[in-house]
Amino acid sequence: MPAAAAAMRLRLLSYNIQTGISTRAYHEYLTKGWRHVLPSARRQANLDRIAQVVAAYDVVGLQEVDGGSLRSGYINQVEYLALRAGFPWWHSQINRNLGRLAQHANGLLSRLRPTEIREHRLPGRIPGRGALFVRYGDDPPLVLLILHLALGARARRAQLAYVAELAGRYPHVVLMGDMNCRASPLDETDAFAGTGLQEPPGLGPTFPSWAPRRCIDRLLVSPSLRVHRLEVLPCTCSDHLPVAAEIDLPPDLAASVAACRVDLAAT
């Protein structure tokens, strides 16, 4: 087996960062709700703590990031985290553009050079939900889908069906994000039946971060990808806890993805 293929284990993280707001109790949604609209001096320090968490991973999918508006001090938070945590590649997907007031976004931080990035608008009566499609390598590719799904069950089922159709086109897929599902996405809709995607067992609750009761931040993988480690991190920088995973790639995929590794010191 080639050395590059044998060594390919990826460290992944999915994190809803609530635009850098640390919430410690339900009443703070009301008493400190102004932080969702106006800038806060503590937000930047909290983003620095988030940067320390994400820095340990190869690829990070972010939800509830601000793309640069009043509430974030006109800072693109994906770019900020990339710079603070040393990620050479990043991408911000604006899903709900409220102008200077708010820029609701998904985000990607990556130490691998993406071969392709596509933004998908997810269906729903109320617009503003998206899926970020990231491809690494060509033959075969590893496909990463970063999601933030609707709260309503009907809209969420339509969104899951849309995502399942995307995922079904590829043999090696990782699906991760804030899916707002009380049960597994596999139980919410039969759309995944033909994709082969699986949800590894043992993932604990992720919300709310101060007293976790619900597992709504999830990760699904193709059968070809072996999940070596899966855990919820005790990081209370948001109202969600982050989900971390290590996945082993099969040899042919490892060789393809290894081509996305770049020696930055040599460039």
C-alpha atoms as a PDB file:
ATOM      1  CA  MET A   1       0.000   0.000   0.000  1.00  0.00           C
ATOM      2  CA  PRO A   2       1.432   3.462  -0.849  1.00  0.00           C
ATOM      3  CA  ALA A   3       2.620   5.461   2.131  1.00  0.00           C
ATOM      4  CA  ALA A   4       0.250   8.357   1.370  1.00  0.00           C
ATOM      5  CA  ALA A   5      -2.731   6.025   1.321  1.00  0.00           C
ATOM      6  CA  ALA A   6      -1.741   4.176   4.485  1.00  0.00           C
ATOM      7  CA  ALA A   7      -1.332   7.420   6.439  1.00  0.00           C
ATOM      8  CA  MET A   8      -4.622   9.036   5.455  1.00  0.00           C
ATOM      9  CA  ARG A   9      -6.745   9.634   8.510  1.00  0.00           C
ATOM     10  CA  LEU A  10      -8.766  12.853   8.576  1.00  0.00           C
ATOM     11  CA  ARG A  11      -9.757  14.801  11.661  1.00  0.00           C
ATOM     12  CA  LEU A  12     -13.153  16.459  11.177  1.00  0.00           C
ATOM     13  CA  LEU A  13     -15.133  18.901  13.288  1.00  0.00           C
ATOM     14  CA  SER A  14     -18.677  20.230  12.942  1.00  0.00           C
ATOM     15  CA  TYR A  15     -19.605  23.247  15.045  1.00  0.00           C
ATOM     16  CA  ASN A  16     -22.577  25.595  15.263  1.00  0.00           C
ATOM     17  CA  ILE A  17     -20.834  28.611  16.809  1.00  0.00           C
ATOM     18  CA  GLN A  18     -23.916  30.865  17.233  1.00  0.00           C
ATOM     19  CA  THR A  19     -21.971  33.779  15.674  1.00  0.00           C
ATOM     20  CA  GLY A  20     -19.467  33.641  18.522  1.00  0.00           C
ATOM     21  CA  ILE A  21     -22.035  34.014  21.312  1.00  0.00           C
ATOM     22  CA  SER A  22     -21.566  31.950  24.462  1.00  0.00           C
ATOM     23  CA  THR A  23     -24.953  31.122  26.026  1.00  0.00           C
ATOM     24  CA  ARG A  24     -25.124  29.587  29.510  1.00  0.00           C
ATOM     25  CA  ALA A  25     -28.896  29.391  30.186  1.00  0.00           C
ATOM     26  CA  TYR A  26     -32.218  29.601  28.347  1.00  0.00           C
ATOM     27  CA  HIS A  27     -33.090  32.973  29.870  1.00  0.00           C
ATOM     28  CA  GLU A  28     -30.054  34.493  28.137  1.00  0.00           C
ATOM     29  CA  TYR A  29     -31.829  34.134  24.784  1.00  0.00           C
ATOM     30  CA  LEU A  30     -34.132  36.870  26.136  1.00  0.00           C
ATOM     31  CA  THR A  31     -31.968  38.871  28.516  1.00  0.00           C
ATOM     32  CA  LYS A  32     -28.952  38.899  26.194  1.00  0.00           C
ATOM     33  CA  GLY A  33     -30.793  38.568  22.881  1.00  0.00           C
ATOM     34  CA  TRP A  34     -29.374  41.933  21.782  1.00  0.00           C
ATOM     35  CA  ARG A  35     -26.079  40.127  21.044  1.00  0.00           C
ATOM     36  CA  HIS A  36     -27.730  38.571  17.982  1.00  0.00           C
ATOM     37  CA  VAL A  37     -28.208  42.067  16.534  1.00  0.00           C
ATOM     38  CA  LEU A  38     -25.499  44.296  18.003  1.00  0.00           C
ATOM     39  CA  PRO A  39     -21.737  43.864  18.437  1.00  0.00           C
ATOM     40  CA  SER A  40     -20.400  42.631  21.762  1.00  0.00           C
ATOM     41  CA  ALA A  41     -16.937  43.168  23.212  1.00  0.00           C
ATOM     42  CA  ARG A  42     -16.908  39.563  24.431  1.00  0.00           C
ATOM     43  CA  ARG A  43     -17.661  38.061  21.031  1.00  0.00           C
ATOM     44  CA  GLN A  44     -14.125  38.475  19.720  1.00  0.00           C
ATOM     45  CA  ALA A  45     -12.544  36.862  22.781  1.00  0.00           C
ATOM     46  CA  ASN A  46     -14.969  33.965  22.422  1.00  0.00           C
ATOM     47  CA  LEU A  47     -14.060  33.602  18.742  1.00  0.00           C
ATOM     48  CA  ASP A  48     -10.420  33.334  19.814  1.00  0.00           C
ATOM     49  CA  ARG A  49     -11.366  30.457  22.119  1.00  0.00           C
ATOM     50  CA  ILE A  50     -13.230  28.785  19.244  1.00  0.00           C
ATOM     51  CA  ALA A  51     -10.130  29.224  17.072  1.00  0.00           C
ATOM     52  CA  GLN A  52      -8.111  27.257  19.642  1.00  0.00           C
ATOM     53  CA  VAL A  53     -10.638  24.404  19.442  1.00  0.00           C
ATOM     54  CA  VAL A  54     -10.868  24.176  15.646  1.00  0.00           C
ATOM     55  CA  ALA A  55      -7.089  24.444  15.149  1.00  0.00           C
ATOM     56  CA  ALA A  56      -6.635  20.748  16.016  1.00  0.00           C
ATOM     57  CA  TYR A  57      -8.586  19.526  12.946  1.00  0.00           C
ATOM     58  CA  ASP A  58      -7.986  19.044   9.231  1.00  0.00           C
ATOM     59  CA  VAL A  59     -11.436  20.074   8.006  1.00  0.00           C
ATOM     60  CA  VAL A  60     -14.056  22.051   9.933  1.00  0.00           C
ATOM     61  CA  GLY A  61     -17.685  22.662   9.010  1.00  0.00           C
ATOM     62  CA  LEU A  62     -19.252  25.715  10.680  1.00  0.00           C
ATOM     63  CA  GLN A  63     -22.873  26.738  11.081  1.00  0.00           C
ATOM     64  CA  GLU A  64     -24.401  29.985  12.339  1.00  0.00           C
ATOM     65  CA  VAL A  65     -21.407  32.052  11.316  1.00  0.00           C
ATOM     66  CA  ASP A  66     -21.662  35.741  10.453  1.00  0.00           C
ATOM     67  CA  GLY A  67     -20.269  36.736   7.075  1.00  0.00           C
ATOM     68  CA  GLY A  68     -19.512  40.343   8.064  1.00  0.00           C
ATOM     69  CA  SER A  69     -22.242  42.613   9.428  1.00  0.00           C
ATOM     70  CA  LEU A  70     -22.993  45.031  12.257  1.00  0.00           C
ATOM     71  CA  ARG A  71     -23.340  42.348  14.927  1.00  0.00           C
ATOM     72  CA  SER A  72     -19.898  40.874  14.138  1.00  0.00           C
ATOM     73  CA  GLY A  73     -18.190  44.249  13.827  1.00  0.00           C
ATOM     74  CA  TYR A  74     -18.189  43.745  10.029  1.00  0.00           C
ATOM     75  CA  ILE A  75     -15.794  40.826  10.404  1.00  0.00           C
ATOM     76  CA  ASN A  76     -16.221  37.731   8.264  1.00  0.00           C
ATOM     77  CA  GLN A  77     -16.016  35.186  11.056  1.00  0.00           C
ATOM     78  CA  VAL A  78     -15.003  32.296   8.779  1.00  0.00           C
ATOM     79  CA  GLU A  79     -12.043  34.285   7.490  1.00  0.00           C
ATOM     80  CA  TYR A  80     -11.178  35.410  11.029  1.00  0.00           C
ATOM     81  CA  LEU A  81     -11.134  31.843  12.359  1.00  0.00           C
ATOM     82  CA  ALA A  82      -9.088  30.680   9.371  1.00  0.00           C
ATOM     83  CA  LEU A  83      -6.441  33.293  10.083  1.00  0.00           C
ATOM     84  CA  ARG A  84      -6.405  32.725  13.844  1.00  0.00           C
ATOM     85  CA  ALA A  85      -6.290  28.925  13.577  1.00  0.00           C
ATOM     86  CA  GLY A  86      -3.921  28.743  10.599  1.00  0.00           C
ATOM     87  CA  PHE A  87      -6.208  27.273   7.930  1.00  0.00           C
ATOM     88  CA  PRO A  88      -4.964  28.074   4.409  1.00  0.00           C
ATOM     89  CA  TRP A  89      -8.384  27.534   2.780  1.00  0.00           C
ATOM     90  CA  TRP A  90     -11.774  28.795   3.849  1.00  0.00           C
ATOM     91  CA  HIS A  91     -15.160  29.487   2.316  1.00  0.00           C
ATOM     92  CA  SER A  92     -18.221  31.384   3.571  1.00  0.00           C
ATOM     93  CA  GLN A  93     -21.696  30.532   2.240  1.00  0.00           C
ATOM     94  CA  ILE A  94     -24.193  33.347   2.917  1.00  0.00           C
ATOM     95  CA  ASN A  95     -27.611  31.725   3.259  1.00  0.00           C
ATOM     96  CA  ARG A  96     -29.646  34.641   4.614  1.00  0.00           C
ATOM     97  CA  ASN A  97     -28.477  38.124   3.691  1.00  0.00           C
ATOM     98  CA  LEU A  98     -29.964  40.834   5.898  1.00  0.00           C
ATOM     99  CA  GLY A  99     -27.555  43.468   4.639  1.00  0.00           C
ATOM    100  CA  ARG A 100     -25.632  45.347   7.306  1.00  0.00           C
ATOM    101  CA  LEU A 101     -27.716  43.790  10.103  1.00  0.00           C
ATOM    102  CA  ALA A 102     -26.746  40.116   9.697  1.00  0.00           C
ATOM    103  CA  GLN A 103     -25.061  37.735   7.262  1.00  0.00           C
ATOM    104  CA  HIS A 104     -26.166  34.213   8.241  1.00  0.00           C
ATOM    105  CA  ALA A 105     -23.669  31.703   6.846  1.00  0.00           C
ATOM    106  CA  ASN A 106     -22.197  28.223   6.780  1.00  0.00           C
ATOM    107  CA  GLY A 107     -18.438  27.978   6.679  1.00  0.00           C
ATOM    108  CA  LEU A 108     -15.528  25.742   5.733  1.00  0.00           C
ATOM    109  CA  LEU A 109     -12.029  25.721   7.232  1.00  0.00           C
ATOM    110  CA  SER A 110      -9.604  23.346   5.522  1.00  0.00           C
ATOM    111  CA  ARG A 111      -5.967  22.278   5.606  1.00  0.00           C
ATOM    112  CA  LEU A 112      -6.536  20.406   2.338  1.00  0.00           C
ATOM    113  CA  ARG A 113      -6.968  22.292  -0.910  1.00  0.00           C
ATOM    114  CA  PRO A 114     -10.585  21.750  -2.072  1.00  0.00           C
ATOM    115  CA  THR A 115     -10.903  20.544  -5.648  1.00  0.00           C
ATOM    116  CA  GLU A 116     -14.391  22.056  -5.932  1.00  0.00           C
ATOM    117  CA  ILE A 117     -16.804  24.051  -3.761  1.00  0.00           C
ATOM    118  CA  ARG A 118     -20.484  24.518  -4.596  1.00  0.00           C
ATOM    119  CA  GLU A 119     -23.223  26.338  -2.698  1.00  0.00           C
ATOM    120  CA  HIS A 120     -26.716  24.814  -2.596  1.00  0.00           C
ATOM    121  CA  ARG A 121     -29.858  26.613  -1.486  1.00  0.00           C
ATOM    122  CA  LEU A 122     -32.080  24.171   0.323  1.00  0.00           C
ATOM    123  CA  PRO A 123     -35.854  24.053  -0.289  1.00  0.00           C
ATOM    124  CA  GLY A 124     -38.291  25.492   2.222  1.00  0.00           C
ATOM    125  CA  ARG A 125     -41.149  27.957   2.551  1.00  0.00           C
ATOM    126  CA  ILE A 126     -38.826  30.310   4.448  1.00  0.00           C
ATOM    127  CA  PRO A 127     -35.529  30.776   2.564  1.00  0.00           C
ATOM    128  CA  GLY A 128     -32.186  30.896   4.309  1.00  0.00           C
ATOM    129  CA  ARG A 129     -30.974  27.317   4.719  1.00  0.00           C
ATOM    130  CA  GLY A 130     -28.034  25.974   2.770  1.00  0.00           C
ATOM    131  CA  ALA A 131     -25.698  23.079   2.098  1.00  0.00           C
ATOM    132  CA  LEU A 132     -22.034  23.611   1.310  1.00  0.00           C
ATOM    133  CA  PHE A 133     -20.661  20.990  -1.104  1.00  0.00           C
ATOM    134  CA  VAL A 134     -16.885  20.423  -0.889  1.00  0.00           C
ATOM    135  CA  ARG A 135     -15.002  17.935  -3.072  1.00  0.00           C
ATOM    136  CA  TYR A 136     -11.454  16.676  -2.444  1.00  0.00           C
ATOM    137  CA  GLY A 137      -9.692  14.763  -5.227  1.00  0.00           C
ATOM    138  CA  ASP A 138     -11.028  13.460  -8.512  1.00  0.00           C
ATOM    139  CA  ASP A 139     -10.807   9.728  -9.033  1.00  0.00           C
ATOM    140  CA  PRO A 140     -12.453   8.936  -6.705  1.00  0.00           C
ATOM    141  CA  PRO A 141     -13.401  12.096  -4.786  1.00  0.00           C
ATOM    142  CA  LEU A 142     -14.227  12.583  -1.129  1.00  0.00           C
ATOM    143  CA  VAL A 143     -17.378  14.707  -0.844  1.00  0.00           C
ATOM    144  CA  LEU A 144     -18.164  16.728   2.271  1.00  0.00           C
ATOM    145  CA  LEU A 145     -21.623  18.273   2.769  1.00  0.00           C
ATOM    146  CA  ILE A 146     -21.955  20.888   5.519  1.00  0.00           C
ATOM    147  CA  LEU A 147     -25.584  21.491   6.507  1.00  0.00           C
ATOM    148  CA  HIS A 148     -27.795  23.696   8.606  1.00  0.00           C
ATOM    149  CA  LEU A 149     -31.367  22.420   8.315  1.00  0.00           C
ATOM    150  CA  ALA A 150     -34.739  23.958   9.176  1.00  0.00           C
ATOM    151  CA  LEU A 151     -36.484  23.724  12.538  1.00  0.00           C
ATOM    152  CA  GLY A 152     -39.803  22.657  10.973  1.00  0.00           C
ATOM    153  CA  ALA A 153     -40.207  18.940  10.255  1.00  0.00           C
ATOM    154  CA  ARG A 154     -41.875  19.387   6.859  1.00  0.00           C
ATOM    155  CA  ALA A 155     -39.202  21.725   5.507  1.00  0.00           C
ATOM    156  CA  ARG A 156     -36.479  19.579   7.026  1.00  0.00           C
ATOM    157  CA  ARG A 157     -37.737  16.440   5.284  1.00  0.00           C
ATOM    158  CA  ALA A 158     -37.687  18.263   1.931  1.00  0.00           C
ATOM    159  CA  GLN A 159     -34.160  19.459   2.644  1.00  0.00           C
ATOM    160  CA  LEU A 160     -33.000  15.992   3.636  1.00  0.00           C
ATOM    161  CA  ALA A 161     -34.441  14.584   0.403  1.00  0.00           C
ATOM    162  CA  TYR A 162     -32.536  17.224  -1.578  1.00  0.00           C
ATOM    163  CA  VAL A 163     -29.297  16.410   0.259  1.00  0.00           C
ATOM    164  CA  ALA A 164     -29.816  12.658  -0.158  1.00  0.00           C
ATOM    165  CA  GLU A 165     -30.104  13.136  -3.915  1.00  0.00           C
ATOM    166  CA  LEU A 166     -26.791  15.014  -3.902  1.00  0.00           C
ATOM    167  CA  ALA A 167     -25.039  12.461  -1.694  1.00  0.00           C
ATOM    168  CA  GLY A 168     -26.313   9.509  -3.726  1.00  0.00           C
ATOM    169  CA  ARG A 169     -24.172  10.520  -6.699  1.00  0.00           C
ATOM    170  CA  TYR A 170     -20.895   9.743  -4.912  1.00  0.00           C
ATOM    171  CA  PRO A 171     -19.431   6.642  -3.215  1.00  0.00           C
ATOM    172  CA  HIS A 172     -17.467   8.452  -0.475  1.00  0.00           C
ATOM    173  CA  VAL A 173     -19.488  11.075   1.422  1.00  0.00           C
ATOM    174  CA  VAL A 174     -19.413  12.777   4.809  1.00  0.00           C
ATOM    175  CA  LEU A 175     -22.562  14.614   5.851  1.00  0.00           C
ATOM    176  CA  MET A 176     -22.274  16.829   8.922  1.00  0.00           C
ATOM    177  CA  GLY A 177     -23.829  19.845  10.569  1.00  0.00           C
ATOM    178  CA  ASP A 178     -26.693  21.195  12.616  1.00  0.00           C
ATOM    179  CA  MET A 179     -29.573  19.064  11.350  1.00  0.00           C
ATOM    180  CA  ASN A 180     -32.125  20.047  13.993  1.00  0.00           C
ATOM    181  CA  CYS A 181     -33.332  16.413  14.058  1.00  0.00           C
ATOM    182  CA  ARG A 182     -34.445  14.946  17.373  1.00  0.00           C
ATOM    183  CA  ALA A 183     -34.181  11.491  15.782  1.00  0.00           C
ATOM    184  CA  SER A 184     -31.616  10.362  13.231  1.00  0.00           C
ATOM    185  CA  PRO A 185     -32.022  11.872   9.747  1.00  0.00           C
ATOM    186  CA  LEU A 186     -32.237   8.251   8.577  1.00  0.00           C
ATOM    187  CA  ASP A 187     -35.447   7.934  10.605  1.00  0.00           C
ATOM    188  CA  GLU A 188     -36.933  11.257   9.510  1.00  0.00           C
ATOM    189  CA  THR A 189     -37.121  10.352   5.827  1.00  0.00           C
ATOM    190  CA  ASP A 190     -36.595   7.298   3.638  1.00  0.00           C
ATOM    191  CA  ALA A 191     -34.724   9.429   1.094  1.00  0.00           C
ATOM    192  CA  PHE A 192     -31.384   8.073   2.345  1.00  0.00           C
ATOM    193  CA  ALA A 193     -32.313   4.451   1.659  1.00  0.00           C
ATOM    194  CA  GLY A 194     -30.404   4.341  -1.615  1.00  0.00           C
ATOM    195  CA  THR A 195     -27.375   6.338  -0.509  1.00  0.00           C
ATOM    196  CA  GLY A 196     -25.962   3.796   1.940  1.00  0.00           C
ATOM    197  CA  LEU A 197     -25.125   6.601   4.374  1.00  0.00           C
ATOM    198  CA  GLN A 198     -24.821   5.492   7.967  1.00  0.00           C
ATOM    199  CA  GLU A 199     -24.876   7.285  11.303  1.00  0.00           C
ATOM    200  CA  PRO A 200     -22.163   5.918  13.612  1.00  0.00           C
ATOM    201  CA  PRO A 201     -23.511   4.862  17.018  1.00  0.00           C
ATOM    202  CA  GLY A 202     -22.648   6.448  20.307  1.00  0.00           C
ATOM    203  CA  LEU A 203     -22.932  10.163  19.584  1.00  0.00           C
ATOM    204  CA  GLY A 204     -24.136  12.015  22.671  1.00  0.00           C
ATOM    205  CA  PRO A 205     -26.376  15.074  23.026  1.00  0.00           C
ATOM    206  CA  THR A 206     -25.106  18.416  21.716  1.00  0.00           C
ATOM    207  CA  PHE A 207     -27.789  20.943  22.699  1.00  0.00           C
ATOM    208  CA  PRO A 208     -28.026  23.028  24.792  1.00  0.00           C
ATOM    209  CA  SER A 209     -24.332  23.223  25.572  1.00  0.00           C
ATOM    210  CA  TRP A 210     -24.794  24.030  29.287  1.00  0.00           C
ATOM    211  CA  ALA A 211     -27.051  20.990  29.900  1.00  0.00           C
ATOM    212  CA  PRO A 212     -27.025  18.787  26.766  1.00  0.00           C
ATOM    213  CA  ARG A 213     -30.257  16.845  26.182  1.00  0.00           C
ATOM    214  CA  ARG A 214     -30.743  16.633  22.412  1.00  0.00           C
ATOM    215  CA  CYS A 215     -28.461  15.302  19.698  1.00  0.00           C
ATOM    216  CA  ILE A 216     -29.181  17.664  16.810  1.00  0.00           C
ATOM    217  CA  ASP A 217     -25.605  18.095  15.528  1.00  0.00           C
ATOM    218  CA  ARG A 218     -24.902  14.947  13.539  1.00  0.00           C
ATOM    219  CA  LEU A 219     -22.517  13.135  11.215  1.00  0.00           C
ATOM    220  CA  LEU A 220     -23.282  10.498   8.579  1.00  0.00           C
ATOM    221  CA  VAL A 221     -20.758   8.657   6.399  1.00  0.00           C
ATOM    222  CA  SER A 222     -20.648   6.256   3.465  1.00  0.00           C
ATOM    223  CA  PRO A 223     -19.918   2.590   4.312  1.00  0.00           C
ATOM    224  CA  SER A 224     -16.485   2.954   2.678  1.00  0.00           C
ATOM    225  CA  LEU A 225     -15.355   5.372   5.406  1.00  0.00           C
ATOM    226  CA  ARG A 226     -14.433   3.933   8.785  1.00  0.00           C
ATOM    227  CA  VAL A 227     -15.110   6.221  11.733  1.00  0.00           C
ATOM    228  CA  HIS A 228     -12.151   5.707  14.030  1.00  0.00           C
ATOM    229  CA  ARG A 229     -13.336   8.142  16.699  1.00  0.00           C
ATOM    230  CA  LEU A 230     -16.539  10.104  17.268  1.00  0.00           C
ATOM    231  CA  GLU A 231     -17.214  12.362  20.231  1.00  0.00           C
ATOM    232  CA  VAL A 232     -18.966  15.468  21.463  1.00  0.00           C
ATOM    233  CA  LEU A 233     -16.463  17.969  22.847  1.00  0.00           C
ATOM    234  CA  PRO A 234     -17.160  19.713  26.177  1.00  0.00           C
ATOM    235  CA  CYS A 235     -16.638  23.161  24.681  1.00  0.00           C
ATOM    236  CA  THR A 236     -19.179  25.757  25.823  1.00  0.00           C
ATOM    237  CA  CYS A 237     -18.285  28.624  23.471  1.00  0.00           C
ATOM    238  CA  SER A 238     -21.755  28.423  21.862  1.00  0.00           C
ATOM    239  CA  ASP A 239     -25.203  27.074  22.672  1.00  0.00           C
ATOM    240  CA  HIS A 240     -24.195  23.920  20.733  1.00  0.00           C
ATOM    241  CA  LEU A 241     -21.382  21.490  21.498  1.00  0.00           C
ATOM    242  CA  PRO A 242     -19.024  20.585  18.642  1.00  0.00           C
ATOM    243  CA  VAL A 243     -18.909  17.099  17.102  1.00  0.00           C
ATOM    244  CA  ALA A 244     -15.439  15.693  16.391  1.00  0.00           C
ATOM    245  CA  ALA A 245     -14.561  12.644  14.311  1.00  0.00           C
ATOM    246  CA  GLU A 246     -11.573  10.861  12.855  1.00  0.00           C
ATOM    247  CA  ILE A 247     -12.216   8.887   9.674  1.00  0.00           C
ATOM    248  CA  ASP A 248      -9.994   6.407   7.858  1.00  0.00           C
ATOM    249  CA  LEU A 249     -10.041   6.539   4.065  1.00  0.00           C
ATOM    250  CA  PRO A 250      -9.753   3.418   1.888  1.00  0.00           C
ATOM    251  CA  PRO A 251      -6.480   3.217  -0.131  1.00  0.00           C
ATOM    252  CA  ASP A 252      -7.818   4.436  -3.491  1.00  0.00           C
ATOM    253  CA  LEU A 253      -9.561   7.408  -1.893  1.00  0.00           C
ATOM    254  CA  ALA A 254      -6.562   8.161   0.334  1.00  0.00           C
ATOM    255  CA  ALA A 255      -4.318   8.407  -2.726  1.00  0.00           C
ATOM    256  CA  SER A 256      -6.761  10.782  -4.424  1.00  0.00           C
ATOM    257  CA  VAL A 257      -7.215  13.023  -1.365  1.00  0.00           C
ATOM    258  CA  ALA A 258      -3.471  13.019  -0.623  1.00  0.00           C
ATOM    259  CA  ALA A 259      -3.026  15.051  -3.804  1.00  0.00           C
ATOM    260  CA  CYS A 260      -4.913  17.859  -2.025  1.00  0.00           C
ATOM    261  CA  ARG A 261      -2.234  18.116   0.631  1.00  0.00           C
ATOM    262  CA  VAL A 262       0.046  21.055  -0.126  1.00  0.00           C
ATOM    263  CA  ASP A 263       3.435  21.805   1.349  1.00  0.00           C
ATOM    264  CA  LEU A 264       2.764  25.442   2.180  1.00  0.00           C
ATOM    265  CA  ALA A 265       6.368  26.010   3.231  1.00  0.00           C
ATOM    266  CA  ALA A 266       7.451  25.250  -0.319  1.00  0.00           C
ATOM    267  CA  THR A 267       4.992  27.652  -1.971  1.00  0.00           C
END
